[in-house]
Amino acid sequence: MLKPGFCQQPNLICSKISIFGFDYDYTLAEYKEPTQKFIFDIARNRLVNKYGFPKNILKLEFNPDFIIRGLFYDPKRCVMMKLDSYSVIDDKAAFRGLTPLSESELDELYSTRRMGVHRVDPNFVRRGRQFYQVLDEFSIPEAYLFSSVYQFFEDNNLRFDPILMFNAIRQAIADVHISRTLYHEVINNLDEHLEKNSMQNVISHLSSSKKLFVISNSPFWFIDAGMKHLVGDDWRDAFEIVISEAKKPSFFLEDRPFLEMQDGCRNGAASFEKKSNWLAAKKLEKGKIYYEGSLSEFGRLTNWDQKSVLYFGDQVTADLAEPSLRFGWRTAAIIPELEKEIAVFEGPKFKQLVHRLNELEFDYHKVADKDAYCETSAKRLLKERRHIKDDLKKAFPSPFGSIFRSDLSRTHYARQVERYAELYTSSIRNLDQINVDRTFFPPRLTLGYDHRLNSLWMLPDEEF
């Protein structure tokens, strides 16, 4: 049973939202852990069989608890790191291979902890070497290959070019998707990768009062097989429009026509194939399947009020950024890791540590602000504070800690979510537990000086 956890940025009045849109992979289709392991294993094998990597790399095993979403990888220095919202490296969350880097090692690699915008922003790719960011579930096996293969080379004293290694791994992962190996694996083993009928209730709940549509990069035959498993054979009855092979993110940036798939019959069963006449679709109709197209054409053919659309996706930059910034869609991010994060936050030990951390910081402010500053007491408080922060980080399964916090500030990924998603939750299924016409509003924004005001309010009268 999922908890109805929703986190919101601005106010979102769902009674004004009449249309819900969805990505498919890792949004409607919640893949299980074997999916990531399969991607890792196939790409690892291709590194050996196709790209000539040492055969002992076949012994590498996938660790699902190492990489977290939002990390950055520096392909030149082979460093996997977590950045805060100001693009500053978290000293306690930087690894080379599977080995943590010390502060002195980071100093040798980087002249500053603050990474330039040309390194982390994809819009600056031509102005400098861009870092790679782990932004979705599909990229986690890829990122773990970067780290584990580097560690293999280091442990075996093998010389290698880091950029060539990076490019080979990226191509091996791309091969898994381009060859459609993953598609066939999922379809042939649906129960292993997807929970049967897991989306049936929520789709029924939403379609009773909202229009639904799906826009996916996956081919229709793959979406159809998955949705029949997740919802039922009649899943298309709930959706006004189905777009496959959309080629996001260019779907949001370019102006391309939609093409309609040919409705036919194969072996006694309904099937859809690409039409040979290549005529652009003049309208988007329920019951028909379309592919390619663009968001601008989508808006023109549907004539829907853009402000009435709430679109769900798992990749904040590829799925949500352009619809939100360019077309005014309301957007929601699906972040499965949120369930684990909430479980950690709600644990009694974690709460005790946070409570103790607040006490230490409160005591430190009292000591630091006194005229008779006591250096010994201040050092003792700061030392215990460092230990508490280390213990808080260890509460998470990954050595990188939380995907939303870097030290005590937000991560770069958390900032991306705040910018591009007005709502975020761990699963589409959480929508089944709420009134879809309710209003979401955020908690009061915490400002940099709030802790200072709270400290003053909490002090007894004689302290003023």
Protein backbone atom coordinates (compact mmCIF):
# COMPACT_ATOMS: atom_id res chain seq x y z
CA MET A 1 0.00 0.00 0.00
CA LEU A 2 1.52 3.30 -1.09
CA LYS A 3 1.30 6.37 1.08
CA PRO A 4 -0.48 9.30 -0.59
CA GLY A 5 2.64 11.44 -0.49
CA PHE A 6 2.53 14.53 -2.67
CA CYS A 7 4.97 17.42 -2.52
CA GLN A 8 4.02 20.66 -4.20
CA GLN A 9 5.79 23.85 -5.18
CA PRO A 10 3.20 26.55 -6.10
CA ASN A 11 -0.55 26.30 -5.59
CA LEU A 12 -2.17 23.73 -7.87
CA ILE A 13 -5.97 23.84 -8.12
CA CYS A 14 -6.86 20.49 -9.65
CA SER A 15 -10.51 21.44 -10.18
CA LYS A 16 -9.18 23.68 -12.97
CA ILE A 17 -7.27 20.74 -14.49
CA SER A 18 -9.44 18.79 -16.92
CA ILE A 19 -6.73 16.85 -18.79
CA PHE A 20 -4.11 14.48 -17.36
CA GLY A 21 -1.21 13.43 -19.58
CA PHE A 22 1.42 10.76 -18.95
CA ASP A 23 4.76 9.50 -20.10
CA TYR A 24 4.84 5.70 -20.27
CA ASP A 25 8.20 4.28 -19.13
CA TYR A 26 8.73 4.64 -15.36
CA THR A 27 5.55 6.73 -15.13
CA LEU A 28 2.62 4.52 -16.08
CA ALA A 29 4.95 1.53 -16.33
CA GLU A 30 6.64 1.09 -12.94
CA TYR A 31 9.44 -1.34 -13.72
CA LYS A 32 10.77 -3.62 -11.02
CA GLU A 33 14.42 -3.99 -10.01
CA PRO A 34 15.15 -6.85 -12.49
CA THR A 35 14.71 -4.34 -15.33
CA GLN A 36 17.72 -2.30 -14.25
CA LYS A 37 19.76 -5.46 -13.68
CA PHE A 38 18.88 -6.68 -17.18
CA ILE A 39 20.02 -3.38 -18.74
CA PHE A 40 23.29 -3.52 -16.79
CA ASP A 41 23.98 -7.16 -17.69
CA ILE A 42 23.30 -6.77 -21.42
CA ALA A 43 25.36 -3.57 -21.70
CA ARG A 44 28.21 -5.13 -19.69
CA ASN A 45 28.22 -8.14 -22.03
CA ARG A 46 28.30 -5.86 -25.08
CA LEU A 47 31.34 -4.06 -23.70
CA VAL A 48 33.20 -7.37 -23.87
CA ASN A 49 31.67 -8.98 -26.95
CA LYS A 50 31.36 -5.89 -29.17
CA TYR A 51 33.80 -3.28 -27.84
CA GLY A 52 36.68 -5.52 -26.80
CA PHE A 53 36.77 -4.85 -23.05
CA PRO A 54 38.57 -7.44 -20.84
CA LYS A 55 36.55 -10.64 -20.34
CA ASN A 56 36.74 -10.41 -16.55
CA ILE A 57 34.38 -7.44 -16.75
CA LEU A 58 31.68 -10.09 -17.21
CA LYS A 59 32.07 -10.79 -13.48
CA LEU A 60 30.80 -7.31 -12.54
CA GLU A 61 27.43 -7.38 -10.79
CA PHE A 62 24.83 -4.62 -10.59
CA ASN A 63 24.39 -2.91 -7.21
CA PRO A 64 21.02 -1.08 -7.14
CA ASP A 65 21.89 0.79 -3.93
CA PHE A 66 25.00 2.65 -5.10
CA ILE A 67 23.84 5.21 -7.68
CA ILE A 68 21.05 7.68 -6.92
CA ARG A 69 19.12 9.96 -9.24
CA GLY A 70 20.54 13.44 -9.75
CA LEU A 71 24.26 12.61 -9.52
CA PHE A 72 26.76 14.10 -11.97
CA TYR A 73 29.56 12.20 -13.66
CA ASP A 74 32.71 13.92 -14.88
CA PRO A 75 33.84 11.76 -17.85
CA LYS A 76 37.29 13.35 -17.99
CA ARG A 77 38.20 12.64 -14.35
CA CYS A 78 35.88 9.63 -13.82
CA VAL A 79 34.29 11.23 -10.75
CA MET A 80 30.69 10.56 -9.71
CA MET A 81 29.49 13.37 -7.48
CA LYS A 82 26.50 14.99 -5.85
CA LEU A 83 26.12 18.74 -6.32
CA ASP A 84 24.08 21.12 -4.21
CA SER A 85 21.65 23.67 -5.61
CA TYR A 86 24.55 26.07 -6.25
CA SER A 87 26.46 23.40 -8.23
CA VAL A 88 28.98 22.93 -5.41
CA ILE A 89 30.45 19.45 -4.88
CA ASP A 90 29.32 17.69 -1.71
CA ASP A 91 32.63 16.71 -0.06
CA LYS A 92 31.02 13.62 1.47
CA ALA A 93 29.42 12.42 -1.77
CA ALA A 94 32.15 12.22 -4.41
CA PHE A 95 33.49 8.89 -5.67
CA ARG A 96 36.06 7.77 -8.19
CA GLY A 97 34.92 4.36 -9.22
CA LEU A 98 33.53 2.77 -6.07
CA THR A 99 36.00 4.56 -3.79
CA PRO A 100 35.11 7.78 -1.92
CA LEU A 101 37.36 10.77 -2.54
CA SER A 102 38.92 12.67 0.34
CA GLU A 103 38.89 16.46 0.48
CA SER A 104 42.58 16.56 -0.44
CA GLU A 105 41.95 14.34 -3.48
CA LEU A 106 39.12 16.62 -4.57
CA ASP A 107 41.48 19.59 -4.21
CA GLU A 108 43.93 17.91 -6.58
CA LEU A 109 41.23 17.23 -9.16
CA TYR A 110 39.34 20.54 -9.03
CA SER A 111 40.60 24.06 -8.41
CA THR A 112 37.19 24.94 -6.96
CA ARG A 113 34.26 23.00 -5.54
CA ARG A 114 31.81 25.15 -7.50
CA MET A 115 31.21 23.61 -10.91
CA GLY A 116 30.67 26.07 -13.76
CA VAL A 117 27.34 26.22 -15.55
CA HIS A 118 29.03 24.98 -18.73
CA ARG A 119 29.68 21.68 -16.95
CA VAL A 120 26.19 20.99 -15.61
CA ASP A 121 23.78 22.77 -17.96
CA PRO A 122 23.06 20.92 -21.25
CA ASN A 123 22.43 24.27 -22.96
CA PHE A 124 26.16 24.99 -22.67
CA VAL A 125 27.36 21.74 -24.24
CA ARG A 126 29.31 23.57 -26.98
CA ARG A 127 31.14 25.84 -24.55
CA GLY A 128 32.86 23.20 -22.47
CA ARG A 129 32.92 19.54 -21.56
CA GLN A 130 29.51 18.75 -20.21
CA PHE A 131 29.00 16.53 -17.18
CA TYR A 132 26.65 13.59 -17.50
CA GLN A 133 23.67 13.63 -15.13
CA VAL A 134 21.71 10.65 -13.81
CA LEU A 135 18.16 11.85 -14.38
CA ASP A 136 15.99 8.74 -14.69
CA GLU A 137 15.79 5.08 -13.73
CA PHE A 138 17.14 3.93 -17.10
CA SER A 139 20.38 5.85 -16.52
CA ILE A 140 21.15 4.22 -13.15
CA PRO A 141 22.59 1.00 -14.68
CA GLU A 142 24.62 3.14 -17.08
CA ALA A 143 26.03 5.26 -14.25
CA TYR A 144 26.92 2.17 -12.24
CA LEU A 145 28.83 0.85 -15.26
CA PHE A 146 30.90 4.07 -15.30
CA SER A 147 31.86 3.51 -11.66
CA SER A 148 32.31 -0.26 -11.63
CA VAL A 149 34.28 -0.44 -14.90
CA TYR A 150 36.59 2.35 -13.73
CA GLN A 151 37.14 0.46 -10.47
CA PHE A 152 37.92 -2.71 -12.43
CA PHE A 153 40.59 -0.92 -14.49
CA GLU A 154 42.13 0.63 -11.37
CA ASP A 155 42.14 -2.62 -9.38
CA ASN A 156 43.86 -4.43 -12.24
CA ASN A 157 46.32 -1.63 -13.06
CA LEU A 158 45.04 -1.37 -16.63
CA ARG A 159 45.69 1.79 -18.62
CA PHE A 160 42.71 3.33 -20.37
CA ASP A 161 41.40 6.57 -21.82
CA PRO A 162 38.51 7.81 -19.64
CA ILE A 163 36.65 9.47 -22.52
CA LEU A 164 36.86 6.35 -24.68
CA MET A 165 35.56 4.29 -21.76
CA PHE A 166 32.71 6.74 -21.22
CA ASN A 167 31.71 6.73 -24.89
CA ALA A 168 31.87 2.93 -25.16
CA ILE A 169 29.60 2.48 -22.14
CA ARG A 170 27.15 5.05 -23.46
CA GLN A 171 27.02 3.25 -26.80
CA ALA A 172 26.61 -0.15 -25.14
CA ILE A 173 23.62 1.17 -23.20
CA ALA A 174 22.19 2.75 -26.36
CA ASP A 175 22.54 -0.62 -28.11
CA VAL A 176 20.24 -2.19 -25.52
CA HIS A 177 17.49 0.26 -26.48
CA ILE A 178 18.16 0.63 -30.22
CA SER A 179 18.30 -3.14 -30.74
CA ARG A 180 14.98 -3.40 -28.86
CA THR A 181 16.51 -6.11 -26.70
CA LEU A 182 14.94 -4.51 -23.63
CA TYR A 183 11.51 -4.26 -25.26
CA HIS A 184 11.46 -7.96 -26.10
CA GLU A 185 12.73 -8.94 -22.65
CA VAL A 186 9.94 -7.00 -20.92
CA ILE A 187 7.19 -8.30 -23.21
CA ASN A 188 8.38 -11.90 -22.90
CA ASN A 189 8.58 -11.66 -19.09
CA LEU A 190 5.88 -9.16 -18.13
CA ASP A 191 5.32 -10.51 -14.61
CA GLU A 192 9.02 -10.18 -13.82
CA HIS A 193 9.16 -6.52 -14.85
CA LEU A 194 5.64 -5.12 -14.24
CA GLU A 195 3.02 -5.73 -11.57
CA LYS A 196 -0.15 -7.05 -13.18
CA ASN A 197 -3.23 -4.80 -12.98
CA SER A 198 -1.32 -2.32 -10.79
CA MET A 199 -2.67 0.69 -12.73
CA GLN A 200 -6.22 -0.55 -13.19
CA ASN A 201 -7.81 1.30 -10.26
CA VAL A 202 -6.06 4.63 -10.74
CA ILE A 203 -6.78 4.80 -14.49
CA SER A 204 -10.44 4.02 -13.81
CA HIS A 205 -10.51 6.66 -11.07
CA LEU A 206 -8.94 9.37 -13.23
CA SER A 207 -10.83 8.66 -16.46
CA SER A 208 -14.17 9.04 -14.68
CA SER A 209 -13.64 12.81 -14.39
CA LYS A 210 -10.61 13.75 -16.52
CA LYS A 211 -9.47 13.35 -20.11
CA LEU A 212 -6.32 11.22 -20.35
CA PHE A 213 -3.56 10.98 -22.93
CA VAL A 214 -0.12 9.36 -23.19
CA ILE A 215 2.99 10.58 -25.03
CA SER A 216 5.88 8.12 -25.11
CA ASN A 217 9.12 7.50 -26.99
CA SER A 218 8.43 3.76 -26.96
CA PRO A 219 6.81 1.96 -29.93
CA PHE A 220 3.09 1.29 -29.70
CA TRP A 221 3.36 -2.51 -29.71
CA PHE A 222 5.50 -2.24 -26.57
CA ILE A 223 3.17 0.26 -24.85
CA ASP A 224 0.13 -1.83 -25.77
CA ALA A 225 1.54 -5.04 -24.30
CA GLY A 226 2.53 -3.27 -21.09
CA MET A 227 -0.75 -1.40 -20.64
CA LYS A 228 -2.80 -4.54 -21.21
CA HIS A 229 -0.80 -6.10 -18.38
CA LEU A 230 -1.07 -3.04 -16.13
CA VAL A 231 -4.67 -1.98 -16.83
CA GLY A 232 -6.45 -4.54 -18.99
CA ASP A 233 -7.19 -5.28 -22.65
CA ASP A 234 -9.55 -2.31 -22.88
CA TRP A 235 -7.02 0.24 -21.58
CA ARG A 236 -7.34 2.45 -24.68
CA ASP A 237 -10.98 3.17 -23.85
CA ALA A 238 -9.74 5.39 -21.01
CA PHE A 239 -7.38 7.48 -23.17
CA GLU A 240 -8.40 10.24 -25.55
CA ILE A 241 -5.06 10.29 -27.41
CA VAL A 242 -2.13 7.85 -27.64
CA ILE A 243 1.19 9.08 -29.08
CA SER A 244 4.07 6.63 -29.57
CA GLU A 245 7.66 7.10 -30.81
CA ALA A 246 7.39 10.80 -29.97
CA LYS A 247 11.17 11.33 -30.00
CA LYS A 248 11.23 13.46 -26.86
CA PRO A 249 12.76 15.90 -26.06
CA SER A 250 12.76 17.05 -29.73
CA PHE A 251 8.98 16.47 -29.63
CA PHE A 252 8.77 19.58 -27.45
CA LEU A 253 11.23 21.67 -29.48
CA GLU A 254 10.53 21.00 -33.15
CA ASP A 255 7.46 21.46 -35.33
CA ARG A 256 6.66 18.06 -36.86
CA PRO A 257 3.38 16.56 -38.12
CA PHE A 258 1.74 13.50 -36.58
CA LEU A 259 1.49 10.29 -38.55
CA GLU A 260 -1.34 7.85 -38.05
CA MET A 261 -0.75 4.13 -37.64
CA GLN A 262 -2.57 1.71 -39.90
CA ASP A 263 -5.27 -0.28 -38.13
CA GLY A 264 -5.04 -3.87 -39.33
CA CYS A 265 -5.23 -7.49 -38.30
CA ARG A 266 -2.46 -10.01 -37.76
CA ASN A 267 -3.06 -13.66 -36.85
CA GLY A 268 -6.64 -12.86 -35.91
CA ALA A 269 -5.67 -10.06 -33.50
CA ALA A 270 -5.86 -6.31 -33.96
CA SER A 271 -2.54 -4.69 -34.80
CA PHE A 272 -1.20 -1.28 -35.75
CA GLU A 273 1.54 -0.64 -38.27
CA LYS A 274 3.05 2.51 -39.72
CA LYS A 275 1.22 3.77 -42.80
CA SER A 276 3.09 3.82 -46.07
CA ASN A 277 1.51 6.98 -47.51
CA TRP A 278 3.17 9.30 -44.95
CA LEU A 279 0.30 11.78 -44.93
CA ALA A 280 0.15 14.09 -41.92
CA ALA A 281 -2.74 13.57 -39.51
CA LYS A 282 -5.33 16.37 -39.78
CA LYS A 283 -6.86 15.63 -36.37
CA LEU A 284 -6.20 13.49 -33.31
CA GLU A 285 -9.03 11.06 -32.63
CA LYS A 286 -9.81 8.69 -29.78
CA GLY A 287 -9.24 5.05 -30.70
CA LYS A 288 -6.48 5.81 -33.21
CA ILE A 289 -2.74 5.56 -32.66
CA TYR A 290 -0.27 8.24 -33.72
CA TYR A 291 3.50 8.53 -33.79
CA GLU A 292 6.14 11.28 -33.99
CA GLY A 293 4.54 14.77 -34.12
CA SER A 294 5.33 17.73 -31.88
CA LEU A 295 3.88 19.59 -28.93
CA SER A 296 3.03 22.64 -31.03
CA GLU A 297 1.08 20.44 -33.45
CA PHE A 298 -0.52 18.63 -30.51
CA GLY A 299 -1.84 21.95 -29.18
CA ARG A 300 -3.13 23.01 -32.60
CA LEU A 301 -4.98 19.75 -33.34
CA THR A 302 -6.53 19.32 -29.88
CA ASN A 303 -7.27 23.00 -29.25
CA TRP A 304 -7.13 22.23 -25.53
CA ASP A 305 -6.58 25.00 -23.02
CA GLN A 306 -2.89 24.62 -22.14
CA LYS A 307 -3.51 25.72 -18.55
CA SER A 308 -5.92 22.81 -18.10
CA VAL A 309 -3.25 20.15 -18.74
CA LEU A 310 -1.32 18.38 -15.97
CA TYR A 311 1.47 16.22 -17.42
CA PHE A 312 3.29 13.49 -15.47
CA GLY A 313 6.80 12.27 -16.29
CA ASP A 314 9.82 10.79 -14.54
CA GLN A 315 12.59 12.73 -16.32
CA VAL A 316 12.39 16.34 -15.19
CA THR A 317 14.41 17.89 -18.03
CA ALA A 318 13.34 15.70 -20.97
CA ASP A 319 9.68 15.26 -19.95
CA LEU A 320 8.71 18.35 -17.97
CA ALA A 321 10.95 21.35 -18.67
CA GLU A 322 9.75 22.33 -22.14
CA PRO A 323 6.00 21.69 -21.61
CA SER A 324 6.16 23.84 -18.49
CA LEU A 325 8.38 26.67 -19.72
CA ARG A 326 7.28 26.93 -23.35
CA PHE A 327 3.63 25.88 -23.36
CA GLY A 328 2.31 26.56 -19.87
CA TRP A 329 1.37 22.99 -18.99
CA ARG A 330 1.21 22.16 -15.30
CA THR A 331 3.72 19.41 -14.60
CA ALA A 332 4.25 16.62 -12.08
CA ALA A 333 7.35 14.48 -11.52
CA ILE A 334 7.24 10.79 -10.68
CA ILE A 335 10.14 10.01 -8.33
CA PRO A 336 9.97 6.40 -7.05
CA GLU A 337 12.85 7.00 -4.62
CA LEU A 338 10.58 9.31 -2.65
CA GLU A 339 9.08 6.28 -0.89
CA LYS A 340 12.47 5.26 0.52
CA GLU A 341 13.34 8.84 1.43
CA ILE A 342 10.10 9.27 3.39
CA ALA A 343 10.66 5.94 5.13
CA VAL A 344 14.10 7.12 6.27
CA PHE A 345 12.80 10.52 7.40
CA GLU A 346 10.03 8.89 9.43
CA GLY A 347 12.37 6.43 11.17
CA PRO A 348 12.73 7.01 14.95
CA LYS A 349 16.54 7.06 14.84
CA PHE A 350 16.57 9.64 12.03
CA LYS A 351 14.12 11.85 13.93
CA GLN A 352 16.29 11.63 17.05
CA LEU A 353 19.36 12.66 15.06
CA VAL A 354 17.56 15.62 13.50
CA HIS A 355 16.29 16.68 16.92
CA ARG A 356 19.80 16.50 18.34
CA LEU A 357 21.17 18.43 15.35
CA ASN A 358 18.66 21.22 15.96
CA GLU A 359 19.66 21.34 19.63
CA LEU A 360 23.34 21.59 18.74
CA GLU A 361 22.76 24.39 16.24
CA PHE A 362 20.55 26.24 18.72
CA ASP A 363 23.23 25.93 21.41
CA TYR A 364 25.94 27.02 18.99
CA HIS A 365 24.04 30.18 18.02
CA LYS A 366 23.74 31.07 21.71
CA VAL A 367 27.48 30.55 22.26
CA ALA A 368 28.56 32.28 19.04
CA ASP A 369 26.46 35.37 19.70
CA LYS A 370 27.66 35.99 23.25
CA ASP A 371 30.18 38.74 23.91
CA ALA A 372 32.27 36.29 25.91
CA TYR A 373 32.76 33.87 23.03
CA CYS A 374 33.86 30.43 24.25
CA GLU A 375 35.98 28.82 21.54
CA THR A 376 36.20 25.48 23.35
CA SER A 377 32.42 25.12 23.61
CA ALA A 378 31.93 26.21 20.01
CA LYS A 379 34.44 23.63 18.73
CA ARG A 380 32.81 20.88 20.78
CA LEU A 381 29.37 21.72 19.39
CA LEU A 382 30.63 21.90 15.80
CA LYS A 383 32.46 18.58 16.15
CA GLU A 384 29.36 16.79 17.40
CA ARG A 385 27.35 18.49 14.66
CA ARG A 386 29.69 17.00 12.01
CA HIS A 387 29.25 13.53 13.51
CA ILE A 388 25.46 13.91 13.52
CA LYS A 389 25.46 14.96 9.86
CA ASP A 390 27.58 11.91 8.96
CA ASP A 391 25.13 9.65 10.81
CA LEU A 392 22.18 11.24 8.98
CA LYS A 393 23.82 10.50 5.62
CA LYS A 394 24.48 6.87 6.63
CA ALA A 395 20.76 6.38 7.24
CA PHE A 396 20.23 6.15 3.47
CA PRO A 397 20.98 2.95 1.49
CA SER A 398 23.28 4.72 -0.98
CA PRO A 399 26.70 6.06 0.10
CA PHE A 400 25.68 9.26 -1.72
CA GLY A 401 22.87 9.80 0.80
CA SER A 402 19.61 11.57 -0.03
CA ILE A 403 18.66 12.55 -3.57
CA PHE A 404 17.11 15.78 -2.24
CA ARG A 405 19.67 16.94 0.33
CA SER A 406 23.34 17.79 0.02
CA ASP A 407 24.71 18.34 3.50
CA LEU A 408 21.87 20.52 4.87
CA SER A 409 20.96 22.28 1.62
CA ARG A 410 19.05 21.14 -1.46
CA THR A 411 20.74 19.11 -4.16
CA HIS A 412 21.06 20.30 -7.73
CA TYR A 413 18.43 17.70 -8.64
CA ALA A 414 16.03 19.02 -6.00
CA ARG A 415 16.41 22.47 -7.53
CA GLN A 416 15.57 21.04 -10.98
CA VAL A 417 12.45 19.40 -9.56
CA GLU A 418 11.41 22.68 -7.94
CA ARG A 419 11.89 24.54 -11.20
CA TYR A 420 10.19 22.14 -13.60
CA ALA A 421 7.60 20.24 -11.52
CA GLU A 422 4.72 21.83 -9.67
CA LEU A 423 3.92 18.54 -7.99
CA TYR A 424 5.93 15.41 -7.33
CA THR A 425 5.13 12.01 -5.89
CA SER A 426 6.49 8.48 -5.87
CA SER A 427 3.85 6.83 -8.04
CA ILE A 428 0.88 7.51 -10.30
CA ARG A 429 -1.00 5.07 -8.07
CA ASN A 430 -1.02 7.67 -5.29
CA LEU A 431 -3.62 9.56 -7.34
CA ASP A 432 -6.09 6.78 -6.58
CA GLN A 433 -6.06 7.79 -2.92
CA ILE A 434 -6.99 11.46 -3.33
CA ASN A 435 -9.76 13.68 -4.60
CA VAL A 436 -8.47 14.71 -8.04
CA ASP A 437 -10.30 18.05 -7.78
CA ARG A 438 -8.55 19.08 -4.58
CA THR A 439 -6.14 22.00 -4.20
CA PHE A 440 -2.45 21.48 -3.43
CA PHE A 441 -0.55 24.27 -1.74
CA PRO A 442 3.04 24.26 -0.48
CA PRO A 443 4.25 24.73 3.09
CA ARG A 444 5.61 28.11 4.07
CA LEU A 445 8.91 28.83 2.34
CA THR A 446 11.90 28.66 4.68
CA LEU A 447 14.25 31.60 4.18
CA GLY A 448 17.90 31.83 5.11
CA TYR A 449 17.29 33.94 8.20
CA ASP A 450 14.30 31.93 9.52
CA HIS A 451 16.48 29.85 11.86
CA ARG A 452 17.79 33.07 13.37
CA LEU A 453 14.31 34.39 14.03
CA ASN A 454 13.24 31.05 15.49
CA SER A 455 16.25 31.12 17.81
CA LEU A 456 15.33 34.61 19.02
CA TRP A 457 11.72 33.63 19.56
CA MET A 458 12.75 30.57 21.57
CA LEU A 459 15.21 32.35 23.87
CA PRO A 460 14.00 33.21 27.38
CA ASP A 461 13.52 36.90 28.22
CA GLU A 462 16.81 37.27 30.08
CA GLU A 463 18.75 36.43 26.92
CA PHE A 464 17.66 39.65 25.15
